[in-house]
C-alpha cells in the first residue's frame, strides 16, 4: 500500500505553511516555545522566502508519510 500525496496549485500555499519563515534575508524556525532559531542567511529576500517555503513543504510531506 502506498501513500499518495497530491500537491496542486490550489493547495501549494497550504502545504508550504509551517514553522519555518523568512525575516529579511534570514530563514528562521519557530520552536513554538517562545524561541526562534536562525537556520540560514541568504543573498536576497526572495531566496530566503523560497527556502522557508521549501523547508515547510518538506516537513509537511515527511509528516504525511
N, C-alpha and C. Protein backbone atom coordinates (compact mmCIF):
# COMPACT_ATOMS: atom_id res chain seq x y z
N UNK A 1 0.84 -1.18 0.00
CA UNK A 1 0.00 0.00 0.00
C UNK A 1 0.89 1.24 0.00
N UNK A 2 0.62 2.15 -0.88
CA UNK A 2 1.41 3.38 -0.96
C UNK A 2 0.56 4.58 -0.59
N UNK A 3 1.21 5.52 0.07
CA UNK A 3 0.54 6.78 0.38
C UNK A 3 0.77 7.73 -0.78
N UNK A 4 -0.30 8.30 -1.27
CA UNK A 4 -0.20 9.23 -2.38
C UNK A 4 -0.57 10.62 -1.89
N UNK A 5 0.33 11.55 -2.07
CA UNK A 5 0.07 12.93 -1.68
C UNK A 5 0.07 13.75 -2.96
N UNK A 6 -1.03 14.41 -3.22
CA UNK A 6 -1.13 15.21 -4.43
C UNK A 6 -1.03 16.68 -4.08
N UNK A 7 -0.06 17.34 -4.66
CA UNK A 7 0.12 18.77 -4.44
C UNK A 7 -0.25 19.47 -5.74
N UNK A 8 -1.21 20.36 -5.65
CA UNK A 8 -1.66 21.13 -6.81
C UNK A 8 -1.42 22.62 -6.55
N UNK A 9 -1.66 23.41 -7.56
CA UNK A 9 -1.52 24.86 -7.39
C UNK A 9 -2.47 25.37 -6.32
N UNK A 10 -3.63 24.73 -6.21
CA UNK A 10 -4.63 25.18 -5.24
C UNK A 10 -4.21 24.94 -3.80
N UNK A 11 -3.50 23.84 -3.53
CA UNK A 11 -3.14 23.55 -2.14
C UNK A 11 -1.65 23.75 -1.86
N UNK A 12 -0.91 24.31 -2.80
CA UNK A 12 0.53 24.50 -2.62
C UNK A 12 0.83 25.45 -1.46
N UNK A 13 0.15 26.58 -1.40
CA UNK A 13 0.39 27.54 -0.31
C UNK A 13 0.12 26.92 1.05
N UNK A 14 -0.95 26.14 1.13
CA UNK A 14 -1.28 25.47 2.40
C UNK A 14 -0.21 24.45 2.77
N UNK A 15 0.33 23.77 1.77
CA UNK A 15 1.38 22.78 2.02
C UNK A 15 2.69 23.41 2.44
N UNK A 16 2.86 24.70 2.15
CA UNK A 16 4.11 25.40 2.48
C UNK A 16 4.04 26.15 3.79
N UNK A 17 2.93 26.01 4.52
CA UNK A 17 2.80 26.65 5.83
C UNK A 17 3.48 25.80 6.89
N UNK A 18 4.10 26.45 7.86
CA UNK A 18 4.75 25.69 8.93
C UNK A 18 5.57 26.59 9.83
N UNK A 19 6.54 26.01 10.50
CA UNK A 19 7.34 26.72 11.50
C UNK A 19 8.51 27.49 10.91
N UNK A 20 8.88 27.20 9.67
CA UNK A 20 9.96 27.95 9.03
C UNK A 20 9.38 29.22 8.42
N UNK A 21 10.11 30.31 8.55
CA UNK A 21 9.68 31.57 7.96
C UNK A 21 10.91 32.41 7.63
N UNK A 22 10.70 33.41 6.78
CA UNK A 22 11.81 34.28 6.42
C UNK A 22 11.62 35.64 7.09
N UNK A 23 12.73 36.22 7.48
CA UNK A 23 12.76 37.55 8.09
C UNK A 23 13.89 38.30 7.40
N UNK A 24 13.55 39.11 6.44
CA UNK A 24 14.50 39.79 5.57
C UNK A 24 15.30 38.71 4.83
N UNK A 25 16.59 38.59 5.01
CA UNK A 25 17.37 37.57 4.31
C UNK A 25 17.66 36.35 5.17
N UNK A 26 17.06 36.28 6.35
CA UNK A 26 17.28 35.15 7.25
C UNK A 26 16.13 34.15 7.15
N UNK A 27 16.47 32.87 7.23
CA UNK A 27 15.47 31.81 7.34
C UNK A 27 15.48 31.38 8.79
N UNK A 28 14.31 31.39 9.42
CA UNK A 28 14.22 31.10 10.85
C UNK A 28 13.22 29.98 11.10
N UNK A 29 13.40 29.33 12.26
CA UNK A 29 12.50 28.25 12.67
C UNK A 29 11.91 28.59 14.03
N UNK A 30 10.59 28.62 14.13
CA UNK A 30 9.89 28.91 15.37
C UNK A 30 9.75 27.61 16.18
N UNK A 31 10.37 27.56 17.34
CA UNK A 31 10.34 26.36 18.18
C UNK A 31 9.02 26.19 18.94
N UNK A 32 8.12 27.14 18.82
CA UNK A 32 6.79 27.09 19.46
C UNK A 32 6.87 27.14 20.99
N UNK A 33 7.99 27.62 21.52
CA UNK A 33 8.11 27.76 22.97
C UNK A 33 8.64 29.16 23.32
N UNK A 34 8.48 30.09 22.39
CA UNK A 34 8.97 31.45 22.60
C UNK A 34 10.36 31.68 22.05
N UNK A 35 10.99 30.64 21.55
CA UNK A 35 12.34 30.77 20.99
C UNK A 35 12.30 30.58 19.48
N UNK A 36 13.23 31.24 18.81
CA UNK A 36 13.35 31.16 17.36
C UNK A 36 14.81 30.92 17.02
N UNK A 37 15.07 29.94 16.18
CA UNK A 37 16.43 29.64 15.72
C UNK A 37 16.63 30.18 14.31
N UNK A 38 17.81 30.70 14.05
CA UNK A 38 18.17 31.09 12.69
C UNK A 38 18.75 29.87 12.01
N UNK A 39 18.21 29.52 10.85
CA UNK A 39 18.63 28.34 10.12
C UNK A 39 19.66 28.70 9.06
N UNK A 40 19.44 29.82 8.37
CA UNK A 40 20.35 30.20 7.27
C UNK A 40 20.21 31.68 6.97
N UNK A 41 21.23 32.22 6.35
CA UNK A 41 21.19 33.57 5.79
C UNK A 41 21.33 33.44 4.29
N UNK A 42 20.52 34.18 3.57
CA UNK A 42 20.52 34.10 2.11
C UNK A 42 20.97 35.42 1.50
N UNK A 43 21.20 35.40 0.20
CA UNK A 43 21.66 36.59 -0.52
C UNK A 43 20.54 37.62 -0.67
N UNK A 44 19.31 37.13 -0.88
CA UNK A 44 18.20 38.08 -1.08
C UNK A 44 16.94 37.57 -0.37
N UNK A 45 15.97 38.47 -0.23
CA UNK A 45 14.72 38.15 0.46
C UNK A 45 13.94 37.05 -0.24
N UNK A 46 13.92 37.08 -1.57
CA UNK A 46 13.17 36.07 -2.32
C UNK A 46 13.72 34.67 -2.10
N UNK A 47 15.04 34.55 -2.04
CA UNK A 47 15.66 33.25 -1.79
C UNK A 47 15.31 32.75 -0.39
N UNK A 48 15.35 33.64 0.59
CA UNK A 48 15.01 33.26 1.97
C UNK A 48 13.55 32.82 2.06
N UNK A 49 12.67 33.53 1.40
CA UNK A 49 11.25 33.19 1.40
C UNK A 49 11.02 31.84 0.74
N UNK A 50 11.66 31.61 -0.40
CA UNK A 50 11.51 30.34 -1.11
C UNK A 50 12.08 29.18 -0.30
N UNK A 51 13.20 29.41 0.37
CA UNK A 51 13.82 28.37 1.18
C UNK A 51 12.91 27.99 2.36
N UNK A 52 12.31 28.98 3.01
CA UNK A 52 11.41 28.71 4.13
C UNK A 52 10.20 27.90 3.65
N UNK A 53 9.64 28.27 2.51
CA UNK A 53 8.50 27.53 1.96
C UNK A 53 8.90 26.10 1.63
N UNK A 54 10.08 25.93 1.03
CA UNK A 54 10.55 24.59 0.68
C UNK A 54 10.77 23.71 1.89
N UNK A 55 11.33 24.28 2.95
CA UNK A 55 11.55 23.52 4.19
C UNK A 55 10.23 23.11 4.83
N UNK A 56 9.25 24.02 4.81
CA UNK A 56 7.92 23.69 5.34
C UNK A 56 7.26 22.60 4.51
N UNK A 57 7.39 22.69 3.19
CA UNK A 57 6.82 21.67 2.31
C UNK A 57 7.45 20.32 2.60
N UNK A 58 8.76 20.29 2.72
CA UNK A 58 9.48 19.05 3.04
C UNK A 58 9.00 18.46 4.37
N UNK A 59 8.90 19.30 5.40
CA UNK A 59 8.43 18.83 6.71
C UNK A 59 7.01 18.27 6.63
N UNK A 60 6.14 18.98 5.92
CA UNK A 60 4.75 18.54 5.81
C UNK A 60 4.65 17.22 5.05
N UNK A 61 5.44 17.06 4.01
CA UNK A 61 5.43 15.79 3.26
C UNK A 61 5.98 14.66 4.11
N UNK A 62 7.03 14.94 4.87
CA UNK A 62 7.62 13.94 5.76
C UNK A 62 6.62 13.45 6.81
N UNK A 63 5.82 14.38 7.33
CA UNK A 63 4.82 14.03 8.34
C UNK A 63 3.71 13.15 7.75
N UNK A 64 3.40 13.34 6.48
CA UNK A 64 2.33 12.58 5.83
C UNK A 64 2.74 11.14 5.55
N UNK A 65 4.03 10.88 5.43
CA UNK A 65 4.48 9.53 5.07
C UNK A 65 4.58 8.63 6.27
